[in-house]
PDB file of N, CA and C in Angstrom:
ATOM      1  N   MET A   1       0.839  -1.162   0.000  1.00  0.00           N
ATOM      2  CA  MET A   1       0.000   0.000   0.000  1.00  0.00           C
ATOM      3  C   MET A   1       0.901   1.246   0.000  1.00  0.00           C
ATOM      4  N   ILE A   2       0.576   2.238  -0.867  1.00  0.00           N
ATOM      5  CA  ILE A   2       1.308   3.497  -0.936  1.00  0.00           C
ATOM      6  C   ILE A   2       0.644   4.488   0.007  1.00  0.00           C
ATOM      7  N   LYS A   3       1.426   5.017   0.941  1.00  0.00           N
ATOM      8  CA  LYS A   3       0.865   5.942   1.926  1.00  0.00           C
ATOM      9  C   LYS A   3       1.009   7.404   1.487  1.00  0.00           C
ATOM     10  N   SER A   4       1.988   7.716   0.675  1.00  0.00           N
ATOM     11  CA  SER A   4       2.137   9.096   0.214  1.00  0.00           C
ATOM     12  C   SER A   4       2.790   9.108  -1.162  1.00  0.00           C
ATOM     13  N   ILE A   5       2.516  10.167  -1.862  1.00  0.00           N
ATOM     14  CA  ILE A   5       3.129  10.360  -3.173  1.00  0.00           C
ATOM     15  C   ILE A   5       3.975  11.621  -3.085  1.00  0.00           C
ATOM     16  N   GLU A   6       5.228  11.465  -3.386  1.00  0.00           N
ATOM     17  CA  GLU A   6       6.145  12.597  -3.323  1.00  0.00           C
ATOM     18  C   GLU A   6       6.371  13.124  -4.729  1.00  0.00           C
ATOM     19  N   GLU A   7       6.217  14.437  -4.887  1.00  0.00           N
ATOM     20  CA  GLU A   7       6.507  15.046  -6.172  1.00  0.00           C
ATOM     21  C   GLU A   7       8.012  15.240  -6.289  1.00  0.00           C
ATOM     22  N   ILE A   8       8.554  14.814  -7.387  1.00  0.00           N
ATOM     23  CA  ILE A   8       9.991  14.944  -7.617  1.00  0.00           C
ATOM     24  C   ILE A   8      10.204  15.973  -8.718  1.00  0.00           C
ATOM     25  N   TYR A   9      10.994  16.996  -8.402  1.00  0.00           N
ATOM     26  CA  TYR A   9      11.282  18.048  -9.366  1.00  0.00           C
ATOM     27  C   TYR A   9      12.654  17.852  -9.977  1.00  0.00           C
ATOM     28  N   ILE A  10      12.732  18.155 -11.250  1.00  0.00           N
ATOM     29  CA  ILE A  10      13.989  18.177 -11.990  1.00  0.00           C
ATOM     30  C   ILE A  10      14.343  19.655 -12.170  1.00  0.00           C
ATOM     31  N   TYR A  11      15.555  20.037 -11.802  1.00  0.00           N
ATOM     32  CA  TYR A  11      16.008  21.418 -11.941  1.00  0.00           C
ATOM     33  C   TYR A  11      16.948  21.508 -13.135  1.00  0.00           C
ATOM     34  N   GLU A  12      16.722  22.537 -13.967  1.00  0.00           N
ATOM     35  CA  GLU A  12      17.505  22.701 -15.189  1.00  0.00           C
ATOM     36  C   GLU A  12      17.918  24.160 -15.336  1.00  0.00           C
ATOM     37  N   SER A  13      19.075  24.365 -15.941  1.00  0.00           N
ATOM     38  CA  SER A  13      19.556  25.712 -16.216  1.00  0.00           C
ATOM     39  C   SER A  13      20.170  25.732 -17.612  1.00  0.00           C
ATOM     40  N   PRO A  14      19.562  26.461 -18.530  1.00  0.00           N
ATOM     41  CA  PRO A  14      20.103  26.510 -19.887  1.00  0.00           C
ATOM     42  C   PRO A  14      21.311  27.427 -20.038  1.00  0.00           C
ATOM     43  N   ASP A  15      21.614  28.222 -18.988  1.00  0.00           N
ATOM     44  CA  ASP A  15      22.669  29.220 -19.110  1.00  0.00           C
ATOM     45  C   ASP A  15      23.704  29.144 -17.989  1.00  0.00           C
ATOM     46  N   GLY A  16      23.966  27.953 -17.520  1.00  0.00           N
ATOM     47  CA  GLY A  16      25.018  27.761 -16.530  1.00  0.00           C
ATOM     48  C   GLY A  16      24.693  28.267 -15.135  1.00  0.00           C
ATOM     49  N   GLY A  17      23.421  28.316 -14.786  1.00  0.00           N
ATOM     50  CA  GLY A  17      23.030  28.683 -13.435  1.00  0.00           C
ATOM     51  C   GLY A  17      22.472  30.080 -13.273  1.00  0.00           C
ATOM     52  N   LYS A  18      22.506  30.888 -14.329  1.00  0.00           N
ATOM     53  CA  LYS A  18      21.953  32.243 -14.213  1.00  0.00           C
ATOM     54  C   LYS A  18      20.430  32.201 -14.098  1.00  0.00           C
ATOM     55  N   THR A  19      19.825  31.342 -14.873  1.00  0.00           N
ATOM     56  CA  THR A  19      18.378  31.145 -14.819  1.00  0.00           C
ATOM     57  C   THR A  19      18.132  29.683 -14.493  1.00  0.00           C
ATOM     58  N   VAL A  20      17.260  29.408 -13.523  1.00  0.00           N
ATOM     59  CA  VAL A  20      16.990  28.033 -13.115  1.00  0.00           C
ATOM     60  C   VAL A  20      15.491  27.767 -13.234  1.00  0.00           C
ATOM     61  N   TYR A  21      15.168  26.660 -13.876  1.00  0.00           N
ATOM     62  CA  TYR A  21      13.788  26.219 -14.031  1.00  0.00           C
ATOM     63  C   TYR A  21      13.605  24.897 -13.302  1.00  0.00           C
ATOM     64  N   ARG A  22      12.357  24.604 -12.922  1.00  0.00           N
ATOM     65  CA  ARG A  22      12.063  23.283 -12.380  1.00  0.00           C
ATOM     66  C   ARG A  22      10.818  22.761 -13.068  1.00  0.00           C
ATOM     67  N   ARG A  23      10.754  21.426 -13.165  1.00  0.00           N
ATOM     68  CA  ARG A  23       9.586  20.759 -13.734  1.00  0.00           C
ATOM     69  C   ARG A  23       9.384  19.454 -12.994  1.00  0.00           C
ATOM     70  N   LEU A  24       8.156  18.990 -12.989  1.00  0.00           N
ATOM     71  CA  LEU A  24       7.876  17.705 -12.362  1.00  0.00           C
ATOM     72  C   LEU A  24       8.512  16.591 -13.169  1.00  0.00           C
ATOM     73  N   SER A  25       9.042  15.612 -12.480  1.00  0.00           N
ATOM     74  CA  SER A  25       9.627  14.461 -13.157  1.00  0.00           C
ATOM     75  C   SER A  25       8.560  13.826 -14.038  1.00  0.00           C
ATOM     76  N   GLY A  26       8.907  13.564 -15.275  1.00  0.00           N
ATOM     77  CA  GLY A  26       7.968  12.964 -16.216  1.00  0.00           C
ATOM     78  C   GLY A  26       7.245  13.990 -17.067  1.00  0.00           C
ATOM     79  N   SER A  27       7.404  15.255 -16.765  1.00  0.00           N
ATOM     80  CA  SER A  27       6.784  16.318 -17.549  1.00  0.00           C
ATOM     81  C   SER A  27       7.869  16.979 -18.396  1.00  0.00           C
ATOM     82  N   PRO A  28       7.907  16.704 -19.683  1.00  0.00           N
ATOM     83  CA  PRO A  28       9.007  17.200 -20.505  1.00  0.00           C
ATOM     84  C   PRO A  28       8.941  18.696 -20.816  1.00  0.00           C
ATOM     85  N   THR A  29       7.750  19.305 -20.741  1.00  0.00           N
ATOM     86  CA  THR A  29       7.654  20.697 -21.173  1.00  0.00           C
ATOM     87  C   THR A  29       7.168  21.669 -20.108  1.00  0.00           C
ATOM     88  N   ALA A  30       6.283  21.272 -19.229  1.00  0.00           N
ATOM     89  CA  ALA A  30       5.727  22.208 -18.247  1.00  0.00           C
ATOM     90  C   ALA A  30       6.769  22.519 -17.183  1.00  0.00           C
ATOM     91  N   ARG A  31       7.267  23.757 -17.192  1.00  0.00           N
ATOM     92  CA  ARG A  31       8.280  24.133 -16.213  1.00  0.00           C
ATOM     93  C   ARG A  31       8.001  25.539 -15.698  1.00  0.00           C
ATOM     94  N   GLU A  32       8.606  25.848 -14.560  1.00  0.00           N
ATOM     95  CA  GLU A  32       8.452  27.168 -13.975  1.00  0.00           C
ATOM     96  C   GLU A  32       9.823  27.711 -13.598  1.00  0.00           C
ATOM     97  N   MET A  33       9.955  29.034 -13.708  1.00  0.00           N
ATOM     98  CA  MET A  33      11.223  29.661 -13.357  1.00  0.00           C
ATOM     99  C   MET A  33      11.353  29.728 -11.838  1.00  0.00           C
ATOM    100  N   VAL A  34      12.514  29.320 -11.346  1.00  0.00           N
ATOM    101  CA  VAL A  34      12.792  29.338  -9.918  1.00  0.00           C
ATOM    102  C   VAL A  34      13.666  30.542  -9.573  1.00  0.00           C
ATOM    103  N   ARG A  35      14.629  30.841 -10.435  1.00  0.00           N
ATOM    104  CA  ARG A  35      15.568  31.936 -10.175  1.00  0.00           C
ATOM    105  C   ARG A  35      16.014  32.532 -11.494  1.00  0.00           C
ATOM    106  N   GLU A  36      16.150  33.850 -11.492  1.00  0.00           N
ATOM    107  CA  GLU A  36      16.661  34.533 -12.674  1.00  0.00           C
ATOM    108  C   GLU A  36      17.720  35.532 -12.252  1.00  0.00           C
ATOM    109  N   ASP A  37      18.789  35.580 -12.991  1.00  0.00           N
ATOM    110  CA  ASP A  37      19.879  36.506 -12.734  1.00  0.00           C
ATOM    111  C   ASP A  37      19.366  37.937 -12.888  1.00  0.00           C
ATOM    112  N   PRO A  38      19.580  38.794 -11.888  1.00  0.00           N
ATOM    113  CA  PRO A  38      19.115  40.188 -11.988  1.00  0.00           C
ATOM    114  C   PRO A  38      19.647  40.910 -13.222  1.00  0.00           C
ATOM    115  N   GLU A  39      20.837  40.550 -13.662  1.00  0.00           N
ATOM    116  CA  GLU A  39      21.399  41.173 -14.863  1.00  0.00           C
ATOM    117  C   GLU A  39      20.543  40.843 -16.083  1.00  0.00           C
ATOM    118  N   CYS A  40      20.006  39.617 -16.162  1.00  0.00           N
ATOM    119  CA  CYS A  40      19.132  39.236 -17.270  1.00  0.00           C
ATOM    120  C   CYS A  40      17.856  40.055 -17.250  1.00  0.00           C
ATOM    121  N   GLN A  41      17.314  40.296 -16.060  1.00  0.00           N
ATOM    122  CA  GLN A  41      16.104  41.102 -15.930  1.00  0.00           C
ATOM    123  C   GLN A  41      16.370  42.525 -16.410  1.00  0.00           C
ATOM    124  N   TYR A  42      17.532  43.066 -16.064  1.00  0.00           N
ATOM    125  CA  TYR A  42      17.893  44.414 -16.479  1.00  0.00           C
ATOM    126  C   TYR A  42      17.971  44.505 -17.997  1.00  0.00           C
ATOM    127  N   ILE A  43      18.583  43.534 -18.622  1.00  0.00           N
ATOM    128  CA  ILE A  43      18.723  43.537 -20.083  1.00  0.00           C
ATOM    129  C   ILE A  43      17.357  43.449 -20.748  1.00  0.00           C
ATOM    130  N   GLU A  44      16.476  42.580 -20.223  1.00  0.00           N
ATOM    131  CA  GLU A  44      15.124  42.464 -20.776  1.00  0.00           C
ATOM    132  C   GLU A  44      14.376  43.785 -20.650  1.00  0.00           C
ATOM    133  N   GLN A  45      14.490  44.450 -19.503  1.00  0.00           N
ATOM    134  CA  GLN A  45      13.808  45.724 -19.299  1.00  0.00           C
ATOM    135  C   GLN A  45      14.392  46.797 -20.221  1.00  0.00           C
ATOM    136  N   TRP A  46      15.685  46.788 -20.409  1.00  0.00           N
ATOM    137  CA  TRP A  46      16.342  47.740 -21.314  1.00  0.00           C
ATOM    138  C   TRP A  46      15.795  47.565 -22.734  1.00  0.00           C
ATOM    139  N   ASN A  47      15.694  46.314 -23.185  1.00  0.00           N
ATOM    140  CA  ASN A  47      15.157  46.048 -24.522  1.00  0.00           C
ATOM    141  C   ASN A  47      13.700  46.470 -24.626  1.00  0.00           C
ATOM    142  N   TYR A  48      12.932  46.259 -23.568  1.00  0.00           N
ATOM    143  CA  TYR A  48      11.522  46.651 -23.528  1.00  0.00           C
ATOM    144  C   TYR A  48      11.390  48.163 -23.697  1.00  0.00           C
ATOM    145  N   TRP A  49      12.205  48.933 -22.943  1.00  0.00           N
ATOM    146  CA  TRP A  49      12.157  50.385 -23.055  1.00  0.00           C
ATOM    147  C   TRP A  49      12.635  50.866 -24.416  1.00  0.00           C
ATOM    148  N   ARG A  50      13.578  50.185 -25.005  1.00  0.00           N
ATOM    149  CA  ARG A  50      14.025  50.543 -26.367  1.00  0.00           C
ATOM    150  C   ARG A  50      12.853  50.440 -27.341  1.00  0.00           C
ATOM    151  N   ASP A  51      12.065  49.367 -27.215  1.00  0.00           N
ATOM    152  CA  ASP A  51      10.904  49.188 -28.079  1.00  0.00           C
ATOM    153  C   ASP A  51       9.841  50.254 -27.812  1.00  0.00           C
ATOM    154  N   ILE A  52       9.664  50.619 -26.546  1.00  0.00           N
ATOM    155  CA  ILE A  52       8.709  51.678 -26.200  1.00  0.00           C
ATOM    156  C   ILE A  52       9.130  52.994 -26.851  1.00  0.00           C
ATOM    157  N   LEU A  53      10.416  53.321 -26.756  1.00  0.00           N
ATOM    158  CA  LEU A  53      10.911  54.571 -27.349  1.00  0.00           C
ATOM    159  C   LEU A  53      10.751  54.576 -28.869  1.00  0.00           C
ATOM    160  N   LYS A  54      10.989  53.444 -29.519  1.00  0.00           N
ATOM    161  CA  LYS A  54      10.793  53.348 -30.969  1.00  0.00           C
ATOM    162  C   LYS A  54       9.326  53.564 -31.332  1.00  0.00           C
ATOM    163  N   THR A  55       8.431  52.956 -30.557  1.00  0.00           N
ATOM    164  CA  THR A  55       7.000  53.080 -30.821  1.00  0.00           C
ATOM    165  C   THR A  55       6.522  54.507 -30.595  1.00  0.00           C
ATOM    166  N   ALA A  56       7.112  55.187 -29.614  1.00  0.00           N
ATOM    167  CA  ALA A  56       6.713  56.556 -29.285  1.00  0.00           C
ATOM    168  C   ALA A  56       6.983  57.539 -30.421  1.00  0.00           C
ATOM    169  N   LYS A  57       7.889  57.206 -31.317  1.00  0.00           N
ATOM    170  CA  LYS A  57       8.175  58.091 -32.452  1.00  0.00           C
ATOM    171  C   LYS A  57       6.941  58.299 -33.322  1.00  0.00           C
ATOM    172  N   ASN A  58       6.052  57.307 -33.362  1.00  0.00           N
ATOM    173  CA  ASN A  58       4.858  57.380 -34.208  1.00  0.00           C
ATOM    174  C   ASN A  58       3.566  57.408 -33.404  1.00  0.00           C
ATOM    175  N   ASN A  59       3.655  57.612 -32.087  1.00  0.00           N
ATOM    176  CA  ASN A  59       2.466  57.597 -31.239  1.00  0.00           C
ATOM    177  C   ASN A  59       2.556  58.763 -30.255  1.00  0.00           C
ATOM    178  N   THR A  60       1.734  59.796 -30.484  1.00  0.00           N
ATOM    179  CA  THR A  60       1.829  60.999 -29.659  1.00  0.00           C
ATOM    180  C   THR A  60       1.433  60.742 -28.212  1.00  0.00           C
ATOM    181  N   THR A  61       0.467  59.860 -27.969  1.00  0.00           N
ATOM    182  CA  THR A  61       0.062  59.567 -26.594  1.00  0.00           C
ATOM    183  C   THR A  61       1.218  58.960 -25.812  1.00  0.00           C
ATOM    184  N   LEU A  62       1.890  57.995 -26.418  1.00  0.00           N
ATOM    185  CA  LEU A  62       3.033  57.360 -25.765  1.00  0.00           C
ATOM    186  C   LEU A  62       4.188  58.346 -25.619  1.00  0.00           C
ATOM    187  N   SER A  63       4.410  59.162 -26.634  1.00  0.00           N
ATOM    188  CA  SER A  63       5.469  60.155 -26.577  1.00  0.00           C
ATOM    189  C   SER A  63       5.221  61.148 -25.437  1.00  0.00           C
ATOM    190  N   ASP A  64       3.978  61.598 -25.280  1.00  0.00           N
ATOM    191  CA  ASP A  64       3.640  62.509 -24.184  1.00  0.00           C
ATOM    192  C   ASP A  64       3.870  61.850 -22.824  1.00  0.00           C
ATOM    193  N   ALA A  65       3.499  60.597 -22.693  1.00  0.00           N
ATOM    194  CA  ALA A  65       3.685  59.881 -21.424  1.00  0.00           C
ATOM    195  C   ALA A  65       5.171  59.757 -21.089  1.00  0.00           C
ATOM    196  N   ILE A  66       5.992  59.485 -22.080  1.00  0.00           N
ATOM    197  CA  ILE A  66       7.443  59.392 -21.862  1.00  0.00           C
ATOM    198  C   ILE A  66       7.998  60.749 -21.444  1.00  0.00           C
ATOM    199  N   HIS A  67       7.521  61.809 -22.099  1.00  0.00           N
ATOM    200  CA  HIS A  67       7.973  63.159 -21.742  1.00  0.00           C
ATOM    201  C   HIS A  67       7.628  63.468 -20.282  1.00  0.00           C
ATOM    202  N   LYS A  68       6.430  63.098 -19.844  1.00  0.00           N
ATOM    203  CA  LYS A  68       6.031  63.313 -18.449  1.00  0.00           C
ATOM    204  C   LYS A  68       6.916  62.496 -17.498  1.00  0.00           C
ATOM    205  N   ALA A  69       7.201  61.262 -17.864  1.00  0.00           N
ATOM    206  CA  ALA A  69       8.068  60.412 -17.032  1.00  0.00           C
ATOM    207  C   ALA A  69       9.464  61.013 -16.930  1.00  0.00           C
ATOM    208  N   GLU A  70       9.960  61.578 -18.027  1.00  0.00           N
ATOM    209  CA  GLU A  70      11.277  62.218 -18.004  1.00  0.00           C
ATOM    210  C   GLU A  70      11.272  63.434 -17.088  1.00  0.00           C
ATOM    211  N   MET A  71      10.196  64.218 -17.115  1.00  0.00           N
ATOM    212  CA  MET A  71      10.110  65.382 -16.230  1.00  0.00           C
ATOM    213  C   MET A  71      10.103  64.946 -14.765  1.00  0.00           C
ATOM    214  N   ILE A  72       9.341  63.920 -14.442  1.00  0.00           N
ATOM    215  CA  ILE A  72       9.295  63.411 -13.069  1.00  0.00           C
ATOM    216  C   ILE A  72      10.670  62.910 -12.643  1.00  0.00           C
ATOM    217  N   TYR A  73      11.334  62.170 -13.517  1.00  0.00           N
ATOM    218  CA  TYR A  73      12.679  61.669 -13.219  1.00  0.00           C
ATOM    219  C   TYR A  73      13.639  62.822 -12.932  1.00  0.00           C
ATOM    220  N   ASN A  74      13.589  63.860 -13.774  1.00  0.00           N
ATOM    221  CA  ASN A  74      14.489  64.997 -13.578  1.00  0.00           C
ATOM    222  C   ASN A  74      14.202  65.722 -12.278  1.00  0.00           C
ATOM    223  N   LEU A  75      12.938  65.841 -11.917  1.00  0.00           N
ATOM    224  CA  LEU A  75      12.593  66.482 -10.636  1.00  0.00           C
ATOM    225  C   LEU A  75      13.143  65.668  -9.463  1.00  0.00           C
ATOM    226  N   ILE A  76      12.985  64.371  -9.514  1.00  0.00           N
ATOM    227  CA  ILE A  76      13.492  63.496  -8.446  1.00  0.00           C
ATOM    228  C   ILE A  76      15.011  63.549  -8.400  1.00  0.00           C
ATOM    229  N   LYS A  77      15.624  63.501  -9.544  1.00  0.00           N
ATOM    230  CA  LYS A  77      17.094  63.518  -9.621  1.00  0.00           C
ATOM    231  C   LYS A  77      17.636  64.830  -9.052  1.00  0.00           C
ATOM    232  N   ASN A  78      16.996  65.957  -9.380  1.00  0.00           N
ATOM    233  CA  ASN A  78      17.455  67.257  -8.900  1.00  0.00           C
ATOM    234  C   ASN A  78      17.224  67.420  -7.406  1.00  0.00           C
ATOM    235  N   GLN A  79      16.224  66.760  -6.849  1.00  0.00           N
ATOM    236  CA  GLN A  79      15.985  66.836  -5.409  1.00  0.00           C
ATOM    237  C   GLN A  79      17.069  66.134  -4.617  1.00  0.00           C
ATOM    238  N   SER A  80      17.659  65.101  -5.194  1.00  0.00           N
ATOM    239  CA  SER A  80      18.656  64.320  -4.454  1.00  0.00           C
ATOM    240  C   SER A  80      20.058  64.916  -4.541  1.00  0.00           C
ATOM    241  N   ILE A  81      20.216  65.978  -5.267  1.00  0.00           N
ATOM    242  CA  ILE A  81      21.551  66.616  -5.408  1.00  0.00           C
ATOM    243  C   ILE A  81      21.818  67.500  -4.221  1.00  0.00           C
TER     244      ILE A  81
END
């Protein structure tokens, strides 16, 4: 008689430990991220903002929002000096 079933996780890292995923044993595709290198997150966010800035060239609403964000940033930056 089996009294308990233990879930066994397989841990994998495609980039030498910077990003770590886990999946249930026997599940070849369903996985979840356990850890991500903060540097990778920074690069992804940098690329995201690059795309936002490119899109803003042809979108006045987005361009105005970026301009407002820049003004807020400058006000905060000048307060800390």
